Amino acid sequence: MFVDFREPPPPPPPWRPKPRDPRPQLTPRQQNALAAIIGVNVLLLLIAPIGGATVIQAISALFR
């Protein structure tokens, strides 16, 4: 077996990521459901701290 050391071996081919499959689009019904979920979360984001403060005040009033 003969190994030629006169020239360096060729470089390996560059790494390429696998092509992605196109994601399926949301149906209009799924879009409406997602919008409703996001809307409820934003509403709760604004209302929940007020409710949490009320609960904390009620608990502190019990121990006074």
PDB file of N, CA and C in Angstrom:
ATOM      1  N   MET A   1       0.860  -1.170   0.000  1.00  0.00           N
ATOM      2  CA  MET A   1       0.000   0.000   0.000  1.00  0.00           C
ATOM      3  C   MET A   1       0.906   1.234   0.000  1.00  0.00           C
ATOM      4  N   PHE A   2       0.592   2.169  -0.860  1.00  0.00           N
ATOM      5  CA  PHE A   2       1.412   3.364  -1.012  1.00  0.00           C
ATOM      6  C   PHE A   2       0.603   4.596  -0.607  1.00  0.00           C
ATOM      7  N   VAL A   3       1.201   5.459   0.249  1.00  0.00           N
ATOM      8  CA  VAL A   3       0.573   6.707   0.654  1.00  0.00           C
ATOM      9  C   VAL A   3       1.422   7.838   0.107  1.00  0.00           C
ATOM     10  N   ASP A   4       0.802   8.711  -0.648  1.00  0.00           N
ATOM     11  CA  ASP A   4       1.524   9.827  -1.241  1.00  0.00           C
ATOM     12  C   ASP A   4       1.504  10.998  -0.267  1.00  0.00           C
ATOM     13  N   PHE A   5       2.672  11.347   0.283  1.00  0.00           N
ATOM     14  CA  PHE A   5       2.767  12.446   1.247  1.00  0.00           C
ATOM     15  C   PHE A   5       3.235  13.745   0.589  1.00  0.00           C
ATOM     16  N   ARG A   6       3.346  13.769  -0.726  1.00  0.00           N
ATOM     17  CA  ARG A   6       3.855  14.966  -1.398  1.00  0.00           C
ATOM     18  C   ARG A   6       2.831  16.096  -1.415  1.00  0.00           C
ATOM     19  N   GLU A   7       1.580  15.780  -1.539  1.00  0.00           N
ATOM     20  CA  GLU A   7       0.536  16.807  -1.576  1.00  0.00           C
ATOM     21  C   GLU A   7      -0.435  16.571  -0.427  1.00  0.00           C
ATOM     22  N   PRO A   8      -0.912  17.651   0.189  1.00  0.00           N
ATOM     23  CA  PRO A   8      -1.894  17.454   1.276  1.00  0.00           C
ATOM     24  C   PRO A   8      -3.218  16.943   0.699  1.00  0.00           C
ATOM     25  N   PRO A   9      -3.959  16.232   1.495  1.00  0.00           N
ATOM     26  CA  PRO A   9      -5.245  15.738   0.988  1.00  0.00           C
ATOM     27  C   PRO A   9      -6.212  16.903   0.755  1.00  0.00           C
ATOM     28  N   PRO A  10      -7.158  16.727  -0.112  1.00  0.00           N
ATOM     29  CA  PRO A  10      -8.118  17.820  -0.359  1.00  0.00           C
ATOM     30  C   PRO A  10      -8.959  18.073   0.896  1.00  0.00           C
ATOM     31  N   PRO A  11      -9.382  19.313   1.095  1.00  0.00           N
ATOM     32  CA  PRO A  11     -10.193  19.609   2.292  1.00  0.00           C
ATOM     33  C   PRO A  11     -11.560  18.937   2.187  1.00  0.00           C
ATOM     34  N   PRO A  12     -12.158  18.667   3.331  1.00  0.00           N
ATOM     35  CA  PRO A  12     -13.500  18.073   3.277  1.00  0.00           C
ATOM     36  C   PRO A  12     -14.503  19.098   2.744  1.00  0.00           C
ATOM     37  N   PRO A  13     -15.606  18.642   2.232  1.00  0.00           N
ATOM     38  CA  PRO A  13     -16.603  19.601   1.727  1.00  0.00           C
ATOM     39  C   PRO A  13     -17.150  20.443   2.878  1.00  0.00           C
ATOM     40  N   PRO A  14     -17.517  21.687   2.600  1.00  0.00           N
ATOM     41  CA  PRO A  14     -18.021  22.555   3.681  1.00  0.00           C
ATOM     42  C   PRO A  14     -19.336  22.030   4.243  1.00  0.00           C
ATOM     43  N   TRP A  15     -19.537  22.327   5.525  1.00  0.00           N
ATOM     44  CA  TRP A  15     -20.767  21.887   6.191  1.00  0.00           C
ATOM     45  C   TRP A  15     -21.930  22.746   5.722  1.00  0.00           C
ATOM     46  N   ARG A  16     -23.009  22.103   5.410  1.00  0.00           N
ATOM     47  CA  ARG A  16     -24.227  22.809   5.014  1.00  0.00           C
ATOM     48  C   ARG A  16     -25.384  22.232   5.804  1.00  0.00           C
ATOM     49  N   PRO A  17     -26.210  23.093   6.377  1.00  0.00           N
ATOM     50  CA  PRO A  17     -27.364  22.567   7.122  1.00  0.00           C
ATOM     51  C   PRO A  17     -28.368  21.923   6.174  1.00  0.00           C
ATOM     52  N   LYS A  18     -29.136  21.011   6.744  1.00  0.00           N
ATOM     53  CA  LYS A  18     -30.163  20.358   5.937  1.00  0.00           C
ATOM     54  C   LYS A  18     -31.252  21.373   5.594  1.00  0.00           C
ATOM     55  N   PRO A  19     -31.789  21.311   4.398  1.00  0.00           N
ATOM     56  CA  PRO A  19     -32.869  22.257   4.067  1.00  0.00           C
ATOM     57  C   PRO A  19     -34.101  21.964   4.914  1.00  0.00           C
ATOM     58  N   ARG A  20     -34.723  23.029   5.379  1.00  0.00           N
ATOM     59  CA  ARG A  20     -35.914  22.885   6.217  1.00  0.00           C
ATOM     60  C   ARG A  20     -37.138  22.621   5.360  1.00  0.00           C
ATOM     61  N   ASP A  21     -38.027  21.840   5.927  1.00  0.00           N
ATOM     62  CA  ASP A  21     -39.317  21.663   5.278  1.00  0.00           C
ATOM     63  C   ASP A  21     -40.146  22.919   5.534  1.00  0.00           C
ATOM     64  N   PRO A  22     -40.899  23.371   4.557  1.00  0.00           N
ATOM     65  CA  PRO A  22     -41.730  24.559   4.814  1.00  0.00           C
ATOM     66  C   PRO A  22     -42.776  24.242   5.878  1.00  0.00           C
ATOM     67  N   ARG A  23     -42.910  25.157   6.815  1.00  0.00           N
ATOM     68  CA  ARG A  23     -43.882  24.957   7.890  1.00  0.00           C
ATOM     69  C   ARG A  23     -45.295  25.140   7.361  1.00  0.00           C
ATOM     70  N   PRO A  24     -46.206  24.341   7.870  1.00  0.00           N
ATOM     71  CA  PRO A  24     -47.597  24.530   7.440  1.00  0.00           C
ATOM     72  C   PRO A  24     -48.150  25.843   8.005  1.00  0.00           C
ATOM     73  N   GLN A  25     -48.948  26.501   7.222  1.00  0.00           N
ATOM     74  CA  GLN A  25     -49.552  27.763   7.640  1.00  0.00           C
ATOM     75  C   GLN A  25     -50.733  27.496   8.567  1.00  0.00           C
ATOM     76  N   LEU A  26     -51.006  28.455   9.450  1.00  0.00           N
ATOM     77  CA  LEU A  26     -52.157  28.333  10.342  1.00  0.00           C
ATOM     78  C   LEU A  26     -53.442  28.570   9.550  1.00  0.00           C
ATOM     79  N   THR A  27     -54.446  27.824   9.899  1.00  0.00           N
ATOM     80  CA  THR A  27     -55.753  28.041   9.282  1.00  0.00           C
ATOM     81  C   THR A  27     -56.378  29.278   9.924  1.00  0.00           C
ATOM     82  N   PRO A  28     -57.380  29.883   9.293  1.00  0.00           N
ATOM     83  CA  PRO A  28     -58.027  31.049   9.909  1.00  0.00           C
ATOM     84  C   PRO A  28     -58.588  30.744  11.301  1.00  0.00           C
ATOM     85  N   ARG A  29     -59.107  29.557  11.505  1.00  0.00           N
ATOM     86  CA  ARG A  29     -59.638  29.202  12.826  1.00  0.00           C
ATOM     87  C   ARG A  29     -58.509  29.148  13.857  1.00  0.00           C
ATOM     88  N   GLN A  30     -57.365  28.592  13.483  1.00  0.00           N
ATOM     89  CA  GLN A  30     -56.227  28.542  14.388  1.00  0.00           C
ATOM     90  C   GLN A  30     -55.694  29.948  14.664  1.00  0.00           C
ATOM     91  N   GLN A  31     -55.708  30.814  13.656  1.00  0.00           N
ATOM     92  CA  GLN A  31     -55.260  32.191  13.851  1.00  0.00           C
ATOM     93  C   GLN A  31     -56.161  32.912  14.845  1.00  0.00           C
ATOM     94  N   ASN A  32     -57.477  32.707  14.731  1.00  0.00           N
ATOM     95  CA  ASN A  32     -58.409  33.350  15.659  1.00  0.00           C
ATOM     96  C   ASN A  32     -58.210  32.822  17.074  1.00  0.00           C
ATOM     97  N   ALA A  33     -57.991  31.518  17.217  1.00  0.00           N
ATOM     98  CA  ALA A  33     -57.771  30.941  18.544  1.00  0.00           C
ATOM     99  C   ALA A  33     -56.486  31.491  19.151  1.00  0.00           C
ATOM    100  N   LEU A  34     -55.433  31.596  18.356  1.00  0.00           N
ATOM    101  CA  LEU A  34     -54.164  32.131  18.844  1.00  0.00           C
ATOM    102  C   LEU A  34     -54.310  33.595  19.249  1.00  0.00           C
ATOM    103  N   ALA A  35     -55.040  34.381  18.466  1.00  0.00           N
ATOM    104  CA  ALA A  35     -55.267  35.787  18.801  1.00  0.00           C
ATOM    105  C   ALA A  35     -56.064  35.909  20.098  1.00  0.00           C
ATOM    106  N   ALA A  36     -57.054  35.044  20.304  1.00  0.00           N
ATOM    107  CA  ALA A  36     -57.841  35.079  21.539  1.00  0.00           C
ATOM    108  C   ALA A  36     -56.978  34.718  22.741  1.00  0.00           C
ATOM    109  N   ILE A  37     -56.132  33.720  22.608  1.00  0.00           N
ATOM    110  CA  ILE A  37     -55.253  33.317  23.713  1.00  0.00           C
ATOM    111  C   ILE A  37     -54.290  34.445  24.062  1.00  0.00           C
ATOM    112  N   ILE A  38     -53.704  35.074  23.051  1.00  0.00           N
ATOM    113  CA  ILE A  38     -52.782  36.185  23.302  1.00  0.00           C
ATOM    114  C   ILE A  38     -53.522  37.351  23.942  1.00  0.00           C
ATOM    115  N   GLY A  39     -54.738  37.641  23.479  1.00  0.00           N
ATOM    116  CA  GLY A  39     -55.525  38.728  24.066  1.00  0.00           C
ATOM    117  C   GLY A  39     -55.845  38.482  25.527  1.00  0.00           C
ATOM    118  N   VAL A  40     -56.233  37.256  25.868  1.00  0.00           N
ATOM    119  CA  VAL A  40     -56.528  36.927  27.269  1.00  0.00           C
ATOM    120  C   VAL A  40     -55.267  37.056  28.116  1.00  0.00           C
ATOM    121  N   ASN A  41     -54.131  36.604  27.599  1.00  0.00           N
ATOM    122  CA  ASN A  41     -52.882  36.712  28.351  1.00  0.00           C
ATOM    123  C   ASN A  41     -52.494  38.168  28.594  1.00  0.00           C
ATOM    124  N   VAL A  42     -52.668  39.026  27.595  1.00  0.00           N
ATOM    125  CA  VAL A  42     -52.349  40.449  27.779  1.00  0.00           C
ATOM    126  C   VAL A  42     -53.298  41.072  28.800  1.00  0.00           C
ATOM    127  N   LEU A  43     -54.577  40.722  28.728  1.00  0.00           N
ATOM    128  CA  LEU A  43     -55.548  41.235  29.691  1.00  0.00           C
ATOM    129  C   LEU A  43     -55.190  40.798  31.109  1.00  0.00           C
ATOM    130  N   LEU A  44     -54.851  39.526  31.274  1.00  0.00           N
ATOM    131  CA  LEU A  44     -54.468  39.036  32.599  1.00  0.00           C
ATOM    132  C   LEU A  44     -53.155  39.655  33.070  1.00  0.00           C
ATOM    133  N   LEU A  45     -52.272  39.981  32.145  1.00  0.00           N
ATOM    134  CA  LEU A  45     -51.021  40.633  32.503  1.00  0.00           C
ATOM    135  C   LEU A  45     -51.286  41.985  33.156  1.00  0.00           C
ATOM    136  N   LEU A  46     -52.345  42.668  32.715  1.00  0.00           N
ATOM    137  CA  LEU A  46     -52.683  43.970  33.279  1.00  0.00           C
ATOM    138  C   LEU A  46     -53.541  43.858  34.534  1.00  0.00           C
ATOM    139  N   ILE A  47     -54.406  42.848  34.623  1.00  0.00           N
ATOM    140  CA  ILE A  47     -55.350  42.738  35.733  1.00  0.00           C
ATOM    141  C   ILE A  47     -54.782  41.940  36.901  1.00  0.00           C
ATOM    142  N   ALA A  48     -53.978  40.923  36.649  1.00  0.00           N
ATOM    143  CA  ALA A  48     -53.499  40.026  37.701  1.00  0.00           C
ATOM    144  C   ALA A  48     -52.708  40.740  38.798  1.00  0.00           C
ATOM    145  N   PRO A  49     -51.848  41.709  38.510  1.00  0.00           N
ATOM    146  CA  PRO A  49     -51.149  42.381  39.616  1.00  0.00           C
ATOM    147  C   PRO A  49     -52.102  43.096  40.571  1.00  0.00           C
ATOM    148  N   ILE A  50     -53.189  43.637  40.047  1.00  0.00           N
ATOM    149  CA  ILE A  50     -54.168  44.302  40.910  1.00  0.00           C
ATOM    150  C   ILE A  50     -54.829  43.276  41.812  1.00  0.00           C
ATOM    151  N   GLY A  51     -55.206  42.131  41.238  1.00  0.00           N
ATOM    152  CA  GLY A  51     -55.811  41.068  42.036  1.00  0.00           C
ATOM    153  C   GLY A  51     -54.834  40.508  43.050  1.00  0.00           C
ATOM    154  N   GLY A  52     -53.576  40.367  42.660  1.00  0.00           N
ATOM    155  CA  GLY A  52     -52.561  39.865  43.587  1.00  0.00           C
ATOM    156  C   GLY A  52     -52.352  40.822  44.740  1.00  0.00           C
ATOM    157  N   ALA A  53     -52.349  42.127  44.456  1.00  0.00           N
ATOM    158  CA  ALA A  53     -52.186  43.113  45.521  1.00  0.00           C
ATOM    159  C   ALA A  53     -53.381  43.073  46.462  1.00  0.00           C
ATOM    160  N   THR A  54     -54.575  42.856  45.931  1.00  0.00           N
ATOM    161  CA  THR A  54     -55.767  42.775  46.770  1.00  0.00           C
ATOM    162  C   THR A  54     -55.691  41.565  47.690  1.00  0.00           C
ATOM    163  N   VAL A  55     -55.243  40.438  47.186  1.00  0.00           N
ATOM    164  CA  VAL A  55     -55.118  39.232  48.012  1.00  0.00           C
ATOM    165  C   VAL A  55     -54.086  39.447  49.107  1.00  0.00           C
ATOM    166  N   ILE A  56     -52.964  40.067  48.776  1.00  0.00           N
ATOM    167  CA  ILE A  56     -51.926  40.325  49.785  1.00  0.00           C
ATOM    168  C   ILE A  56     -52.457  41.272  50.852  1.00  0.00           C
ATOM    169  N   GLN A  57     -53.209  42.301  50.464  1.00  0.00           N
ATOM    170  CA  GLN A  57     -53.782  43.224  51.444  1.00  0.00           C
ATOM    171  C   GLN A  57     -54.798  42.514  52.327  1.00  0.00           C
ATOM    172  N   ALA A  58     -55.583  41.605  51.762  1.00  0.00           N
ATOM    173  CA  ALA A  58     -56.570  40.870  52.556  1.00  0.00           C
ATOM    174  C   ALA A  58     -55.877  39.963  53.565  1.00  0.00           C
ATOM    175  N   ILE A  59     -54.811  39.301  53.167  1.00  0.00           N
ATOM    176  CA  ILE A  59     -54.080  38.428  54.097  1.00  0.00           C
ATOM    177  C   ILE A  59     -53.426  39.252  55.193  1.00  0.00           C
ATOM    178  N   SER A  60     -52.851  40.398  54.823  1.00  0.00           N
ATOM    179  CA  SER A  60     -52.222  41.236  55.854  1.00  0.00           C
ATOM    180  C   SER A  60     -53.274  41.809  56.802  1.00  0.00           C
ATOM    181  N   ALA A  61     -54.490  42.061  56.321  1.00  0.00           N
ATOM    182  CA  ALA A  61     -55.557  42.563  57.190  1.00  0.00           C
ATOM    183  C   ALA A  61     -56.013  41.484  58.167  1.00  0.00           C
ATOM    184  N   LEU A  62     -55.931  40.217  57.790  1.00  0.00           N
ATOM    185  CA  LEU A  62     -56.313  39.128  58.695  1.00  0.00           C
ATOM    186  C   LEU A  62     -55.370  39.032  59.891  1.00  0.00           C
ATOM    187  N   PHE A  63     -54.117  39.347  59.696  1.00  0.00           N
ATOM    188  CA  PHE A  63     -53.132  39.203  60.769  1.00  0.00           C
ATOM    189  C   PHE A  63     -52.966  40.468  61.604  1.00  0.00           C
ATOM    190  N   ARG A  64     -53.713  41.502  61.334  1.00  0.00           N
ATOM    191  CA  ARG A  64     -53.618  42.726  62.149  1.00  0.00           C
ATOM    192  C   ARG A  64     -54.481  42.636  63.363  1.00  0.00           C
TER     193      ARG A  64
END
